[in-house]
Amino acid sequence: MRCPYCGGDETQVKDSRPTEDNTAIRRRRVCSSCGGRFTTFERVQLRELVVLKRSGRRVPFDRDKLVRSVQVALRKRPVEPEKIERMVSGIVRQLESTGESEITAEQIGQLVMEALKGIDDVAYVRFASVYRNFREAKDFRELLGELSTGPEPAGSLAAGSGPDPLDES
């Protein structure tokens, strides 16, 4: 493992332990050259996934990109980072377990929407507005209509829940 500080090739593992959800191994490392300490994560990868984009392009699946898009949807929402990590790990496991090495961006978007719907309605609407490419207010009304037909989960869009939307902090 290359040191992120000095670029040295000689690093030693000082401590290893599983993550809370047991989907990865967390390793504390120290560089023999500069003494810098850093953490790495090791995950099981069942197969190399390729994403087929709407444009027809094929790109390697990027777990970090999935994490970032979920974090954007959940920005300023009361959801613990561990819950986000479990959600993303679950989505990746579902994708890998399909048996296909090529998956569509639409499959990924559907899985993310299903997962967000169970976690936070505001994040679900945020993600859906980008994923479904909303252009008009009626697109939002239709989606909110879908949400209001089911039971109201935690973090719902009910009046008075969540932080003040005008608060810029």
C-alpha atoms as a PDB file:
ATOM      1  CA  MET A   1       0.000   0.000   0.000  1.00  0.00           C
ATOM      2  CA  ARG A   2       1.445   3.355  -1.059  1.00  0.00           C
ATOM      3  CA  CYS A   3       1.710   6.059   1.632  1.00  0.00           C
ATOM      4  CA  PRO A   4      -0.612   9.014   0.854  1.00  0.00           C
ATOM      5  CA  TYR A   5       1.861  11.434   2.480  1.00  0.00           C
ATOM      6  CA  CYS A   6       5.268  10.575   0.983  1.00  0.00           C
ATOM      7  CA  GLY A   7       4.402   7.999  -1.679  1.00  0.00           C
ATOM      8  CA  GLY A   8       6.571   5.340  -0.042  1.00  0.00           C
ATOM      9  CA  ASP A   9       5.833   1.681  -0.829  1.00  0.00           C
ATOM     10  CA  GLU A  10       6.684   0.286   2.599  1.00  0.00           C
ATOM     11  CA  THR A  11       3.708   0.473   4.982  1.00  0.00           C
ATOM     12  CA  GLN A  12       2.791  -1.805   7.853  1.00  0.00           C
ATOM     13  CA  VAL A  13      -0.627  -2.777   9.135  1.00  0.00           C
ATOM     14  CA  LYS A  14      -0.836  -1.872  12.845  1.00  0.00           C
ATOM     15  CA  ASP A  15      -4.488  -2.775  13.494  1.00  0.00           C
ATOM     16  CA  SER A  16      -7.264  -4.565  11.579  1.00  0.00           C
ATOM     17  CA  ARG A  17     -10.910  -4.854  12.501  1.00  0.00           C
ATOM     18  CA  PRO A  18     -14.235  -5.315  10.714  1.00  0.00           C
ATOM     19  CA  THR A  19     -16.490  -2.327  10.128  1.00  0.00           C
ATOM     20  CA  GLU A  20     -19.738  -2.107  12.106  1.00  0.00           C
ATOM     21  CA  ASP A  21     -21.772  -3.780   9.372  1.00  0.00           C
ATOM     22  CA  ASN A  22     -19.093  -6.408   8.659  1.00  0.00           C
ATOM     23  CA  THR A  23     -18.902  -5.501   4.957  1.00  0.00           C
ATOM     24  CA  ALA A  24     -15.287  -4.319   5.048  1.00  0.00           C
ATOM     25  CA  ILE A  25     -12.040  -4.561   6.986  1.00  0.00           C
ATOM     26  CA  ARG A  26     -10.642  -1.331   8.448  1.00  0.00           C
ATOM     27  CA  ARG A  27      -6.842  -1.278   8.597  1.00  0.00           C
ATOM     28  CA  ARG A  28      -4.668   1.278  10.421  1.00  0.00           C
ATOM     29  CA  ARG A  29      -1.320   1.580   8.660  1.00  0.00           C
ATOM     30  CA  VAL A  30       1.990   3.322   9.334  1.00  0.00           C
ATOM     31  CA  CYS A  31       4.572   4.320   6.723  1.00  0.00           C
ATOM     32  CA  SER A  32       8.109   3.018   7.307  1.00  0.00           C
ATOM     33  CA  SER A  33       9.592   6.021   5.464  1.00  0.00           C
ATOM     34  CA  CYS A  34       7.839   9.053   6.974  1.00  0.00           C
ATOM     35  CA  GLY A  35       5.989   7.568   9.958  1.00  0.00           C
ATOM     36  CA  GLY A  36       2.626   8.817   8.649  1.00  0.00           C
ATOM     37  CA  ARG A  37      -0.474   6.984   9.839  1.00  0.00           C
ATOM     38  CA  PHE A  38      -3.559   6.390   7.705  1.00  0.00           C
ATOM     39  CA  THR A  39      -6.589   4.132   7.412  1.00  0.00           C
ATOM     40  CA  THR A  40      -7.583   1.876   4.526  1.00  0.00           C
ATOM     41  CA  PHE A  41     -10.714  -0.161   3.919  1.00  0.00           C
ATOM     42  CA  GLU A  42     -10.779  -3.544   2.217  1.00  0.00           C
ATOM     43  CA  ARG A  43     -14.050  -4.746   0.660  1.00  0.00           C
ATOM     44  CA  VAL A  44     -15.088  -7.941  -1.059  1.00  0.00           C
ATOM     45  CA  GLN A  45     -15.791  -7.415  -4.734  1.00  0.00           C
ATOM     46  CA  LEU A  46     -17.694 -10.287  -6.311  1.00  0.00           C
ATOM     47  CA  ARG A  47     -17.271  -9.110  -9.895  1.00  0.00           C
ATOM     48  CA  GLU A  48     -16.211  -6.140 -11.964  1.00  0.00           C
ATOM     49  CA  LEU A  49     -19.355  -4.164 -12.725  1.00  0.00           C
ATOM     50  CA  VAL A  50     -19.784  -1.994 -15.804  1.00  0.00           C
ATOM     51  CA  VAL A  51     -22.521   0.649 -15.965  1.00  0.00           C
ATOM     52  CA  LEU A  52     -24.427   1.126 -19.213  1.00  0.00           C
ATOM     53  CA  LYS A  53     -25.339   4.820 -19.315  1.00  0.00           C
ATOM     54  CA  ARG A  54     -28.448   6.211 -21.021  1.00  0.00           C
ATOM     55  CA  SER A  55     -26.191   7.602 -23.751  1.00  0.00           C
ATOM     56  CA  GLY A  56     -24.959   4.078 -24.534  1.00  0.00           C
ATOM     57  CA  ARG A  57     -21.523   4.643 -22.984  1.00  0.00           C
ATOM     58  CA  ARG A  58     -20.070   1.960 -20.746  1.00  0.00           C
ATOM     59  CA  VAL A  59     -18.116   3.035 -17.652  1.00  0.00           C
ATOM     60  CA  PRO A  60     -16.692   1.083 -14.705  1.00  0.00           C
ATOM     61  CA  PHE A  61     -18.976   1.056 -11.646  1.00  0.00           C
ATOM     62  CA  ASP A  62     -17.729   3.541  -9.048  1.00  0.00           C
ATOM     63  CA  ARG A  63     -18.909   2.886  -5.496  1.00  0.00           C
ATOM     64  CA  ASP A  64     -17.602   6.270  -4.368  1.00  0.00           C
ATOM     65  CA  LYS A  65     -19.737   8.028  -6.989  1.00  0.00           C
ATOM     66  CA  LEU A  66     -22.781   6.189  -5.636  1.00  0.00           C
ATOM     67  CA  VAL A  67     -21.895   7.265  -2.087  1.00  0.00           C
ATOM     68  CA  ARG A  68     -21.480  10.906  -3.186  1.00  0.00           C
ATOM     69  CA  SER A  69     -24.845  10.994  -4.973  1.00  0.00           C
ATOM     70  CA  VAL A  70     -26.600   9.534  -1.930  1.00  0.00           C
ATOM     71  CA  GLN A  71     -24.818  12.033   0.336  1.00  0.00           C
ATOM     72  CA  VAL A  72     -25.961  14.905  -1.889  1.00  0.00           C
ATOM     73  CA  ALA A  73     -29.570  13.711  -1.604  1.00  0.00           C
ATOM     74  CA  LEU A  74     -29.197  13.371   2.185  1.00  0.00           C
ATOM     75  CA  ARG A  75     -27.388  16.705   2.686  1.00  0.00           C
ATOM     76  CA  LYS A  76     -28.533  18.390   5.923  1.00  0.00           C
ATOM     77  CA  ARG A  77     -30.858  15.471   6.714  1.00  0.00           C
ATOM     78  CA  PRO A  78     -30.784  13.679  10.090  1.00  0.00           C
ATOM     79  CA  VAL A  79     -29.344  10.377   8.824  1.00  0.00           C
ATOM     80  CA  GLU A  80     -26.281   8.778  10.416  1.00  0.00           C
ATOM     81  CA  PRO A  81     -23.256   8.060   8.158  1.00  0.00           C
ATOM     82  CA  GLU A  82     -23.376   4.388   9.219  1.00  0.00           C
ATOM     83  CA  LYS A  83     -26.908   4.102   7.846  1.00  0.00           C
ATOM     84  CA  ILE A  84     -25.755   5.579   4.531  1.00  0.00           C
ATOM     85  CA  GLU A  85     -22.856   3.122   4.405  1.00  0.00           C
ATOM     86  CA  ARG A  86     -25.171   0.160   5.108  1.00  0.00           C
ATOM     87  CA  MET A  87     -27.573   1.372   2.426  1.00  0.00           C
ATOM     88  CA  VAL A  88     -24.832   1.709  -0.208  1.00  0.00           C
ATOM     89  CA  SER A  89     -23.326  -1.673   0.732  1.00  0.00           C
ATOM     90  CA  GLY A  90     -26.756  -3.251   0.348  1.00  0.00           C
ATOM     91  CA  ILE A  91     -27.235  -1.678  -3.086  1.00  0.00           C
ATOM     92  CA  VAL A  92     -23.792  -2.861  -4.233  1.00  0.00           C
ATOM     93  CA  ARG A  93     -24.510  -6.395  -2.963  1.00  0.00           C
ATOM     94  CA  GLN A  94     -27.813  -6.399  -4.873  1.00  0.00           C
ATOM     95  CA  LEU A  95     -26.048  -5.274  -8.052  1.00  0.00           C
ATOM     96  CA  GLU A  96     -23.291  -7.871  -7.697  1.00  0.00           C
ATOM     97  CA  SER A  97     -25.750 -10.660  -6.929  1.00  0.00           C
ATOM     98  CA  THR A  98     -27.658 -10.176 -10.198  1.00  0.00           C
ATOM     99  CA  GLY A  99     -25.029 -12.332 -11.882  1.00  0.00           C
ATOM    100  CA  GLU A 100     -24.610  -9.737 -14.618  1.00  0.00           C
ATOM    101  CA  SER A 101     -21.369  -7.851 -15.097  1.00  0.00           C
ATOM    102  CA  GLU A 102     -23.172  -5.078 -16.996  1.00  0.00           C
ATOM    103  CA  ILE A 103     -25.856  -3.064 -15.226  1.00  0.00           C
ATOM    104  CA  THR A 104     -27.835  -0.070 -16.377  1.00  0.00           C
ATOM    105  CA  ALA A 105     -27.781   3.349 -14.760  1.00  0.00           C
ATOM    106  CA  GLU A 106     -31.562   2.934 -14.492  1.00  0.00           C
ATOM    107  CA  GLN A 107     -31.164  -0.207 -12.337  1.00  0.00           C
ATOM    108  CA  ILE A 108     -28.871   1.675  -9.980  1.00  0.00           C
ATOM    109  CA  GLY A 109     -31.235   4.663  -9.831  1.00  0.00           C
ATOM    110  CA  GLN A 110     -34.222   2.440  -9.021  1.00  0.00           C
ATOM    111  CA  LEU A 111     -32.359   0.704  -6.187  1.00  0.00           C
ATOM    112  CA  VAL A 112     -31.233   4.049  -4.750  1.00  0.00           C
ATOM    113  CA  MET A 113     -34.764   5.453  -4.927  1.00  0.00           C
ATOM    114  CA  GLU A 114     -36.204   2.385  -3.166  1.00  0.00           C
ATOM    115  CA  ALA A 115     -33.591   2.628  -0.428  1.00  0.00           C
ATOM    116  CA  LEU A 116     -33.993   6.397   0.051  1.00  0.00           C
ATOM    117  CA  LYS A 117     -37.777   6.079   0.190  1.00  0.00           C
ATOM    118  CA  GLY A 118     -37.376   3.913   3.282  1.00  0.00           C
ATOM    119  CA  ILE A 119     -34.854   6.249   4.917  1.00  0.00           C
ATOM    120  CA  ASP A 120     -35.900   9.852   4.247  1.00  0.00           C
ATOM    121  CA  ASP A 121     -38.701  11.280   2.089  1.00  0.00           C
ATOM    122  CA  VAL A 122     -36.913  14.577   1.451  1.00  0.00           C
ATOM    123  CA  ALA A 123     -33.807  12.785   0.164  1.00  0.00           C
ATOM    124  CA  TYR A 124     -36.055  10.555  -1.934  1.00  0.00           C
ATOM    125  CA  VAL A 125     -37.672  13.601  -3.586  1.00  0.00           C
ATOM    126  CA  ARG A 126     -34.279  15.268  -4.112  1.00  0.00           C
ATOM    127  CA  PHE A 127     -32.822  12.188  -5.770  1.00  0.00           C
ATOM    128  CA  ALA A 128     -35.964  11.534  -7.824  1.00  0.00           C
ATOM    129  CA  SER A 129     -36.002  15.091  -9.136  1.00  0.00           C
ATOM    130  CA  VAL A 130     -32.560  14.584 -10.668  1.00  0.00           C
ATOM    131  CA  TYR A 131     -32.934  10.908 -11.601  1.00  0.00           C
ATOM    132  CA  ARG A 132     -36.313  11.417 -13.289  1.00  0.00           C
ATOM    133  CA  ASN A 133     -35.192  14.769 -14.738  1.00  0.00           C
ATOM    134  CA  PHE A 134     -38.078  16.855 -13.372  1.00  0.00           C
ATOM    135  CA  ARG A 135     -38.853  19.891 -15.512  1.00  0.00           C
ATOM    136  CA  GLU A 136     -42.075  21.286 -13.993  1.00  0.00           C
ATOM    137  CA  ALA A 137     -43.775  21.655 -10.629  1.00  0.00           C
ATOM    138  CA  LYS A 138     -46.370  19.053 -11.646  1.00  0.00           C
ATOM    139  CA  ASP A 139     -43.574  16.442 -11.692  1.00  0.00           C
ATOM    140  CA  PHE A 140     -43.006  17.141  -7.997  1.00  0.00           C
ATOM    141  CA  ARG A 141     -46.754  17.056  -7.260  1.00  0.00           C
ATOM    142  CA  GLU A 142     -47.053  13.625  -8.879  1.00  0.00           C
ATOM    143  CA  LEU A 143     -44.142  12.262  -6.854  1.00  0.00           C
ATOM    144  CA  LEU A 144     -45.524  13.741  -3.634  1.00  0.00           C
ATOM    145  CA  GLY A 145     -48.865  12.141  -4.495  1.00  0.00           C
ATOM    146  CA  GLU A 146     -47.126   8.765  -4.680  1.00  0.00           C
ATOM    147  CA  LEU A 147     -45.577   9.361  -1.260  1.00  0.00           C
ATOM    148  CA  SER A 148     -48.832  10.446   0.379  1.00  0.00           C
ATOM    149  CA  THR A 149     -50.653   7.231  -0.608  1.00  0.00           C
ATOM    150  CA  GLY A 150     -48.522   5.133   1.767  1.00  0.00           C
ATOM    151  CA  PRO A 151     -47.940   5.323   5.523  1.00  0.00           C
ATOM    152  CA  GLU A 152     -45.933   8.287   6.697  1.00  0.00           C
ATOM    153  CA  PRO A 153     -42.377   7.078   7.596  1.00  0.00           C
ATOM    154  CA  ALA A 154     -39.859   8.868   9.780  1.00  0.00           C
ATOM    155  CA  GLY A 155     -38.411  11.953   8.115  1.00  0.00           C
ATOM    156  CA  SER A 156     -41.560  12.529   6.127  1.00  0.00           C
ATOM    157  CA  LEU A 157     -42.581  15.662   4.310  1.00  0.00           C
ATOM    158  CA  ALA A 158     -45.261  16.549   6.845  1.00  0.00           C
ATOM    159  CA  ALA A 159     -45.469  20.192   7.873  1.00  0.00           C
ATOM    160  CA  GLY A 160     -43.228  21.087  10.747  1.00  0.00           C
ATOM    161  CA  SER A 161     -40.790  18.197  10.332  1.00  0.00           C
ATOM    162  CA  GLY A 162     -37.097  18.756   9.662  1.00  0.00           C
ATOM    163  CA  PRO A 163     -35.030  21.928   9.684  1.00  0.00           C
ATOM    164  CA  ASP A 164     -36.221  25.297   8.447  1.00  0.00           C
ATOM    165  CA  PRO A 165     -35.895  25.237   4.615  1.00  0.00           C
ATOM    166  CA  LEU A 166     -34.807  28.882   4.652  1.00  0.00           C
ATOM    167  CA  ASP A 167     -31.915  28.172   7.032  1.00  0.00           C
ATOM    168  CA  GLU A 168     -28.740  28.428   4.939  1.00  0.00           C
ATOM    169  CA  SER A 169     -26.366  27.035   7.600  1.00  0.00           C
END
